[in-house]
C-alpha atoms as a PDB file:
ATOM      1  CA  UNK A   1      11.612  25.379 -10.545  1.00  0.00           C
ATOM      2  CA  UNK A   2       7.821  24.766  -9.585  1.00  0.00           C
ATOM      3  CA  UNK A   3       6.177  26.420  -6.505  1.00  0.00           C
ATOM      4  CA  UNK A   4       3.110  24.661  -5.051  1.00  0.00           C
ATOM      5  CA  UNK A   5       1.456  24.016  -1.419  1.00  0.00           C
ATOM      6  CA  UNK A   6       0.817  21.006   0.169  1.00  0.00           C
ATOM      7  CA  UNK A   7      -1.032  21.172   3.331  1.00  0.00           C
ATOM      8  CA  UNK A   8      -0.041  25.278   3.734  1.00  0.00           C
ATOM      9  CA  UNK A   9       3.827  24.886   2.802  1.00  0.00           C
ATOM     10  CA  UNK A  10       5.259  26.381   0.045  1.00  0.00           C
ATOM     11  CA  UNK A  11       7.531  23.931  -1.855  1.00  0.00           C
ATOM     12  CA  UNK A  12       9.476  23.815  -4.177  1.00  0.00           C
ATOM     13  CA  UNK A  13       9.385  21.056  -6.975  1.00  0.00           C
ATOM     14  CA  UNK A  14      11.695  19.831 -10.141  1.00  0.00           C
ATOM     15  CA  UNK A  15      10.440  19.889 -13.499  1.00  0.00           C
ATOM     16  CA  UNK A  16       9.098  16.657 -13.848  1.00  0.00           C
ATOM     17  CA  UNK A  17       9.296  14.894 -10.342  1.00  0.00           C
ATOM     18  CA  UNK A  18       5.172  13.778  -8.592  1.00  0.00           C
ATOM     19  CA  UNK A  19       3.754  15.284  -5.605  1.00  0.00           C
ATOM     20  CA  UNK A  20       4.903  11.705  -4.255  1.00  0.00           C
ATOM     21  CA  UNK A  21       8.247  12.695  -4.504  1.00  0.00           C
ATOM     22  CA  UNK A  22       7.851  16.357  -4.037  1.00  0.00           C
ATOM     23  CA  UNK A  23       5.995  15.018  -0.270  1.00  0.00           C
ATOM     24  CA  UNK A  24       8.314  12.625   0.787  1.00  0.00           C
ATOM     25  CA  UNK A  25      11.281  14.990  -0.327  1.00  0.00           C
ATOM     26  CA  UNK A  26       9.803  17.674   2.354  1.00  0.00           C
ATOM     27  CA  UNK A  27       8.566  14.692   5.517  1.00  0.00           C
ATOM     28  CA  UNK A  28       4.620  14.674   4.735  1.00  0.00           C
ATOM     29  CA  UNK A  29       3.885  11.076   4.516  1.00  0.00           C
ATOM     30  CA  UNK A  30       1.349   9.809   2.248  1.00  0.00           C
ATOM     31  CA  UNK A  31       0.495   6.239   2.064  1.00  0.00           C
ATOM     32  CA  UNK A  32       1.390   3.827  -0.770  1.00  0.00           C
ATOM     33  CA  UNK A  33       1.275  -0.007  -1.977  1.00  0.00           C
ATOM     34  CA  UNK A  34       2.102  -0.510  -5.309  1.00  0.00           C
ATOM     35  CA  UNK A  35       4.277   2.704  -4.829  1.00  0.00           C
ATOM     36  CA  UNK A  36       8.406   1.146  -5.319  1.00  0.00           C
ATOM     37  CA  UNK A  37      11.269   3.992  -6.344  1.00  0.00           C
ATOM     38  CA  UNK A  38      13.073   1.803  -7.979  1.00  0.00           C
ATOM     39  CA  UNK A  39       9.921   1.242 -10.097  1.00  0.00           C
ATOM     40  CA  UNK A  40       7.763   2.921 -13.156  1.00  0.00           C
ATOM     41  CA  UNK A  41       4.811   4.318 -10.687  1.00  0.00           C
ATOM     42  CA  UNK A  42       1.229   2.303 -11.623  1.00  0.00           C
ATOM     43  CA  UNK A  43      -1.060   4.075  -9.831  1.00  0.00           C
ATOM     44  CA  UNK A  44      -3.319   1.210  -9.395  1.00  0.00           C
ATOM     45  CA  UNK A  45      -3.852   0.825  -5.628  1.00  0.00           C
ATOM     46  CA  UNK A  46      -5.308   4.390  -5.239  1.00  0.00           C
ATOM     47  CA  UNK A  47      -3.968   4.570  -1.451  1.00  0.00           C
ATOM     48  CA  UNK A  48      -1.715   7.418  -2.775  1.00  0.00           C
ATOM     49  CA  UNK A  49      -4.385   9.736  -3.180  1.00  0.00           C
ATOM     50  CA  UNK A  50      -4.434  13.957  -3.103  1.00  0.00           C
ATOM     51  CA  UNK A  51      -6.916  16.026  -3.093  1.00  0.00           C
ATOM     52  CA  UNK A  52      -5.420  18.487  -5.971  1.00  0.00           C
ATOM     53  CA  UNK A  53      -7.053  22.657  -6.198  1.00  0.00           C
ATOM     54  CA  UNK A  54      -6.102  23.759  -9.065  1.00  0.00           C
ATOM     55  CA  UNK A  55      -7.549  27.190  -9.952  1.00  0.00           C
ATOM     56  CA  UNK A  56     -11.327  26.849  -9.373  1.00  0.00           C
ATOM     57  CA  UNK A  57     -11.054  22.864  -9.371  1.00  0.00           C
ATOM     58  CA  UNK A  58     -10.364  20.470  -6.903  1.00  0.00           C
ATOM     59  CA  UNK A  59     -10.391  16.782  -7.780  1.00  0.00           C
ATOM     60  CA  UNK A  60      -8.500  13.652  -6.517  1.00  0.00           C
ATOM     61  CA  UNK A  61      -6.347  12.266  -7.906  1.00  0.00           C
ATOM     62  CA  UNK A  62      -2.826   9.555  -7.234  1.00  0.00           C
ATOM     63  CA  UNK A  63       0.366  11.381  -6.262  1.00  0.00           C
ATOM     64  CA  UNK A  64       2.555   8.733  -7.469  1.00  0.00           C
ATOM     65  CA  UNK A  65       2.022   9.573 -11.328  1.00  0.00           C
ATOM     66  CA  UNK A  66       0.167  13.643 -11.202  1.00  0.00           C
ATOM     67  CA  UNK A  67       3.166  15.881 -11.946  1.00  0.00           C
ATOM     68  CA  UNK A  68       4.062  18.996  -9.475  1.00  0.00           C
ATOM     69  CA  UNK A  69       2.864  21.732 -11.158  1.00  0.00           C
ATOM     70  CA  UNK A  70       3.463  25.434 -10.553  1.00  0.00           C
ATOM     71  CA  UNK A  71       0.624  26.947  -8.323  1.00  0.00           C
ATOM     72  CA  UNK A  72      -1.522  23.725  -7.071  1.00  0.00           C
ATOM     73  CA  UNK A  73      -2.108  23.670  -4.428  1.00  0.00           C
ATOM     74  CA  UNK A  74      -2.271  19.827  -2.426  1.00  0.00           C
ATOM     75  CA  UNK A  75      -4.452  18.675   0.223  1.00  0.00           C
ATOM     76  CA  UNK A  76      -2.747  14.903   1.712  1.00  0.00           C
ATOM     77  CA  UNK A  77      -4.498  14.551   4.708  1.00  0.00           C
ATOM     78  CA  UNK A  78      -8.162  16.143   3.981  1.00  0.00           C
ATOM     79  CA  UNK A  79     -11.287  14.472   5.075  1.00  0.00           C
ATOM     80  CA  UNK A  80     -12.814  13.433   1.465  1.00  0.00           C
ATOM     81  CA  UNK A  81      -8.790  12.131   1.410  1.00  0.00           C
ATOM     82  CA  UNK A  82      -8.665  10.437   4.282  1.00  0.00           C
ATOM     83  CA  UNK A  83     -12.510   8.982   3.864  1.00  0.00           C
ATOM     84  CA  UNK A  84     -11.370   7.687   0.183  1.00  0.00           C
ATOM     85  CA  UNK A  85      -8.889   5.484   1.643  1.00  0.00           C
ATOM     86  CA  UNK A  86      -9.884   4.144   3.873  1.00  0.00           C
ATOM     87  CA  UNK A  87     -12.513   2.776   1.337  1.00  0.00           C
ATOM     88  CA  UNK A  88      -9.705   1.745  -0.774  1.00  0.00           C
ATOM     89  CA  UNK A  89      -7.861   0.092   2.189  1.00  0.00           C
ATOM     90  CA  UNK A  90     -11.354  -1.459   3.457  1.00  0.00           C
ATOM     91  CA  UNK A  91     -11.843  -3.523  -0.473  1.00  0.00           C
ATOM     92  CA  UNK A  92      -7.735  -4.866  -0.469  1.00  0.00           C
ATOM     93  CA  UNK A  93      -8.221  -5.820   3.163  1.00  0.00           C
ATOM     94  CA  UNK A  94     -11.189  -7.835   1.670  1.00  0.00           C
ATOM     95  CA  UNK A  95      -9.576  -9.681  -0.710  1.00  0.00           C
ATOM     96  CA  UNK A  96      -6.926 -10.175   1.183  1.00  0.00           C
ATOM     97  CA  UNK A  97      -7.589  -9.848   4.819  1.00  0.00           C
ATOM     98  CA  UNK A  98      -4.099 -11.972   6.350  1.00  0.00           C
ATOM     99  CA  UNK A  99      -1.856  -9.772   4.722  1.00  0.00           C
ATOM    100  CA  UNK A 100       0.535  -8.215   7.461  1.00  0.00           C
ATOM    101  CA  UNK A 101       1.538  -5.273   4.858  1.00  0.00           C
ATOM    102  CA  UNK A 102      -2.874  -4.307   4.656  1.00  0.00           C
ATOM    103  CA  UNK A 103      -3.143  -4.715   8.445  1.00  0.00           C
ATOM    104  CA  UNK A 104      -0.749  -2.968   9.776  1.00  0.00           C
ATOM    105  CA  UNK A 105      -1.742   0.324   6.770  1.00  0.00           C
ATOM    106  CA  UNK A 106      -5.184  -0.520   8.558  1.00  0.00           C
ATOM    107  CA  UNK A 107      -4.198   0.055  11.643  1.00  0.00           C
ATOM    108  CA  UNK A 108      -2.327   2.872  10.347  1.00  0.00           C
ATOM    109  CA  UNK A 109      -4.899   4.705   8.758  1.00  0.00           C
ATOM    110  CA  UNK A 110      -7.668   3.890  11.066  1.00  0.00           C
ATOM    111  CA  UNK A 111      -9.759   0.999   9.132  1.00  0.00           C
ATOM    112  CA  UNK A 112     -11.839  -0.194  12.267  1.00  0.00           C
ATOM    113  CA  UNK A 113     -14.705  -2.379  10.017  1.00  0.00           C
ATOM    114  CA  UNK A 114     -14.623  -3.638   6.646  1.00  0.00           C
ATOM    115  CA  UNK A 115     -17.608  -3.648   5.295  1.00  0.00           C
ATOM    116  CA  UNK A 116     -17.520  -6.188   2.506  1.00  0.00           C
ATOM    117  CA  UNK A 117     -17.644  -9.707   2.493  1.00  0.00           C
ATOM    118  CA  UNK A 118     -13.705 -11.160   3.544  1.00  0.00           C
ATOM    119  CA  UNK A 119     -12.066 -13.432   1.079  1.00  0.00           C
ATOM    120  CA  UNK A 120      -8.481 -15.104   0.993  1.00  0.00           C
ATOM    121  CA  UNK A 121      -7.100 -14.314  -2.901  1.00  0.00           C
ATOM    122  CA  UNK A 122      -3.388 -14.669  -3.434  1.00  0.00           C
ATOM    123  CA  UNK A 123      -3.389 -11.170  -5.937  1.00  0.00           C
ATOM    124  CA  UNK A 124      -4.572  -7.660  -4.850  1.00  0.00           C
ATOM    125  CA  UNK A 125      -3.453  -6.569  -8.803  1.00  0.00           C
ATOM    126  CA  UNK A 126      -0.770  -4.172  -7.570  1.00  0.00           C
ATOM    127  CA  UNK A 127       1.412  -4.870 -10.929  1.00  0.00           C
ATOM    128  CA  UNK A 128       4.515  -5.072  -8.404  1.00  0.00           C
ATOM    129  CA  UNK A 129       5.437  -8.500  -8.740  1.00  0.00           C
ATOM    130  CA  UNK A 130       4.919  -7.376 -12.695  1.00  0.00           C
ATOM    131  CA  UNK A 131       6.961  -4.697 -12.936  1.00  0.00           C
ATOM    132  CA  UNK A 132       9.962  -6.388 -10.503  1.00  0.00           C
ATOM    133  CA  UNK A 133       9.582  -8.928 -13.086  1.00  0.00           C
ATOM    134  CA  UNK A 134      10.089  -7.276 -16.117  1.00  0.00           C
ATOM    135  CA  UNK A 135      11.930  -3.940 -15.264  1.00  0.00           C
ATOM    136  CA  UNK A 136      14.613  -5.454 -12.584  1.00  0.00           C
ATOM    137  CA  UNK A 137      14.879  -8.623 -13.380  1.00  0.00           C
ATOM    138  CA  UNK A 138      15.413  -8.121 -16.754  1.00  0.00           C
ATOM    139  CA  UNK A 139      12.552 -11.737 -16.870  1.00  0.00           C
ATOM    140  CA  UNK A 140       9.074 -10.335 -18.124  1.00  0.00           C
ATOM    141  CA  UNK A 141       7.716 -13.673 -17.479  1.00  0.00           C
ATOM    142  CA  UNK A 142       4.520 -12.402 -16.015  1.00  0.00           C
ATOM    143  CA  UNK A 143       2.378 -10.247 -17.358  1.00  0.00           C
ATOM    144  CA  UNK A 144      -1.794  -9.128 -16.710  1.00  0.00           C
ATOM    145  CA  UNK A 145      -4.555 -10.820 -18.116  1.00  0.00           C
ATOM    146  CA  UNK A 146      -8.427 -10.223 -18.555  1.00  0.00           C
ATOM    147  CA  UNK A 147      -9.509  -7.550 -16.997  1.00  0.00           C
ATOM    148  CA  UNK A 148     -12.013  -6.375 -14.574  1.00  0.00           C
ATOM    149  CA  UNK A 149     -13.012  -9.427 -12.227  1.00  0.00           C
ATOM    150  CA  UNK A 150     -10.976 -11.697 -14.242  1.00  0.00           C
ATOM    151  CA  UNK A 151      -8.430  -9.706 -14.237  1.00  0.00           C
ATOM    152  CA  UNK A 152      -5.164 -11.970 -12.677  1.00  0.00           C
ATOM    153  CA  UNK A 153      -1.507 -12.661 -13.479  1.00  0.00           C
ATOM    154  CA  UNK A 154      -0.199 -15.439 -15.180  1.00  0.00           C
ATOM    155  CA  UNK A 155       2.717 -16.223 -17.481  1.00  0.00           C
ATOM    156  CA  UNK A 156       1.891 -16.039 -21.338  1.00  0.00           C
ATOM    157  CA  UNK A 157      -0.872 -18.824 -22.366  1.00  0.00           C
ATOM    158  CA  UNK A 158      -0.790 -20.024 -19.180  1.00  0.00           C
ATOM    159  CA  UNK A 159       2.451 -22.574 -19.378  1.00  0.00           C
ATOM    160  CA  UNK A 160       5.839 -22.622 -17.825  1.00  0.00           C
ATOM    161  CA  UNK A 161       8.805 -20.779 -20.380  1.00  0.00           C
ATOM    162  CA  UNK A 162      12.364 -20.292 -20.083  1.00  0.00           C
ATOM    163  CA  UNK A 163      11.962 -16.979 -19.552  1.00  0.00           C
ATOM    164  CA  UNK A 164      11.321 -17.854 -15.656  1.00  0.00           C
ATOM    165  CA  UNK A 165      14.613 -18.294 -13.682  1.00  0.00           C
ATOM    166  CA  UNK A 166      12.768 -19.042 -10.644  1.00  0.00           C
ATOM    167  CA  UNK A 167      14.533 -15.827  -9.146  1.00  0.00           C
ATOM    168  CA  UNK A 168      12.195 -15.278  -6.016  1.00  0.00           C
ATOM    169  CA  UNK A 169      11.705 -11.226  -7.112  1.00  0.00           C
ATOM    170  CA  UNK A 170       7.893 -11.160  -7.423  1.00  0.00           C
ATOM    171  CA  UNK A 171       7.490 -13.444  -4.314  1.00  0.00           C
ATOM    172  CA  UNK A 172       9.946 -10.926  -2.494  1.00  0.00           C
ATOM    173  CA  UNK A 173       7.418  -7.940  -3.802  1.00  0.00           C
ATOM    174  CA  UNK A 174       4.531  -8.595  -3.147  1.00  0.00           C
ATOM    175  CA  UNK A 175       2.222  -7.588  -0.274  1.00  0.00           C
ATOM    176  CA  UNK A 176      -0.659 -10.484  -0.685  1.00  0.00           C
ATOM    177  CA  UNK A 177       1.449 -13.477   0.304  1.00  0.00           C
ATOM    178  CA  UNK A 178       4.208 -12.597   2.152  1.00  0.00           C
ATOM    179  CA  UNK A 179       4.388 -12.587   5.507  1.00  0.00           C
ATOM    180  CA  UNK A 180       0.951 -13.005   7.259  1.00  0.00           C
ATOM    181  CA  UNK A 181      -0.778 -11.270  10.389  1.00  0.00           C
ATOM    182  CA  UNK A 182      -0.857 -13.143  13.021  1.00  0.00           C
ATOM    183  CA  UNK A 183      -2.983 -10.853  15.680  1.00  0.00           C
ATOM    184  CA  UNK A 184      -5.017 -12.167  18.396  1.00  0.00           C
ATOM    185  CA  UNK A 185      -8.032 -12.783  15.407  1.00  0.00           C
ATOM    186  CA  UNK A 186      -9.171 -15.325  13.380  1.00  0.00           C
ATOM    187  CA  UNK A 187      -7.497 -15.209  10.397  1.00  0.00           C
ATOM    188  CA  UNK A 188      -9.006 -13.930   7.776  1.00  0.00           C
ATOM    189  CA  UNK A 189     -10.737 -11.225  10.185  1.00  0.00           C
ATOM    190  CA  UNK A 190     -10.037  -7.599  10.405  1.00  0.00           C
ATOM    191  CA  UNK A 191      -6.875  -7.482  13.607  1.00  0.00           C
ATOM    192  CA  UNK A 192      -6.381  -4.013  14.354  1.00  0.00           C
ATOM    193  CA  UNK A 193      -4.018  -5.361  17.125  1.00  0.00           C
ATOM    194  CA  UNK A 194      -1.809  -2.698  16.271  1.00  0.00           C
ATOM    195  CA  UNK A 195      -4.012   0.136  17.421  1.00  0.00           C
ATOM    196  CA  UNK A 196      -4.223  -1.420  20.741  1.00  0.00           C
ATOM    197  CA  UNK A 197      -1.261  -0.330  23.204  1.00  0.00           C
ATOM    198  CA  UNK A 198      -1.651  -4.261  25.226  1.00  0.00           C
ATOM    199  CA  UNK A 199       0.150  -6.556  23.068  1.00  0.00           C
ATOM    200  CA  UNK A 200      -3.283  -9.302  23.034  1.00  0.00           C
ATOM    201  CA  UNK A 201      -0.714 -11.987  21.124  1.00  0.00           C
ATOM    202  CA  UNK A 202       1.553 -11.534  23.265  1.00  0.00           C
ATOM    203  CA  UNK A 203      -1.830 -12.027  25.883  1.00  0.00           C
ATOM    204  CA  UNK A 204      -3.567 -14.860  23.899  1.00  0.00           C
ATOM    205  CA  UNK A 205      -0.467 -17.145  22.894  1.00  0.00           C
ATOM    206  CA  UNK A 206       1.989 -16.549  26.069  1.00  0.00           C
ATOM    207  CA  UNK A 207       5.525 -16.313  25.040  1.00  0.00           C
ATOM    208  CA  UNK A 208       5.799 -16.995  21.706  1.00  0.00           C
ATOM    209  CA  UNK A 209       6.501 -13.704  19.891  1.00  0.00           C
ATOM    210  CA  UNK A 210       3.874 -11.956  17.245  1.00  0.00           C
ATOM    211  CA  UNK A 211       4.596 -10.680  13.620  1.00  0.00           C
ATOM    212  CA  UNK A 212       3.394  -7.277  14.157  1.00  0.00           C
ATOM    213  CA  UNK A 213       5.622  -4.502  14.331  1.00  0.00           C
ATOM    214  CA  UNK A 214       6.466  -3.825  17.816  1.00  0.00           C
ATOM    215  CA  UNK A 215       5.300  -0.276  19.220  1.00  0.00           C
ATOM    216  CA  UNK A 216       7.476  -1.424  22.774  1.00  0.00           C
ATOM    217  CA  UNK A 217       5.040  -2.447  25.107  1.00  0.00           C
ATOM    218  CA  UNK A 218       6.689  -6.193  24.191  1.00  0.00           C
ATOM    219  CA  UNK A 219       9.744  -4.541  25.536  1.00  0.00           C
ATOM    220  CA  UNK A 220       8.368  -2.677  28.999  1.00  0.00           C
ATOM    221  CA  UNK A 221       5.475  -6.189  29.979  1.00  0.00           C
ATOM    222  CA  UNK A 222       8.397  -8.563  29.933  1.00  0.00           C
ATOM    223  CA  UNK A 223      10.751  -5.922  32.054  1.00  0.00           C
ATOM    224  CA  UNK A 224       8.488  -5.526  34.397  1.00  0.00           C
END
């Protein structure tokens, strides 16, 4: 067993555990995007970054990959961590602003502005679909190709293949092409409707049900 400190609280971790696993076990909330309990950790999105103090060294690490070592101190919400997460989320939102999952994370983390040009891509290279296909569906019908800005998820040689069973697992787990954000603002903008108490979507679209996670304001308004 390893003994470490998370946000000033001493905790114990089993050998082989990651910081993310230990933090969640003890109730410390760390946002994730490319992580899934049933898939191999990948560390692509970096939203789960935490600040680790190991002796005289301090560094930002992906908590889904970093081992819970004895004697380290972990800060899950330091100023440095919060700033880093917001920057990462801004970059992701610039690529896929219509993703409800990203819009919800923006409201949760407190991102109110995106300083980069908004695009509307259909992939954030989180690798969830690739790992789902290989590890859960036993297919391996898709994979990464290219580097840098040219990196993308494709089938082998970009051709249809018999390995794919059209199970839909890749679409089910993808955060970019799933449910779209339908807040008060136009598609392609940062919504932030989840940050306000007043249900803007109901004010704008009358009583058409919105797809935002309910904070109870909608129910309270209808009851009045």
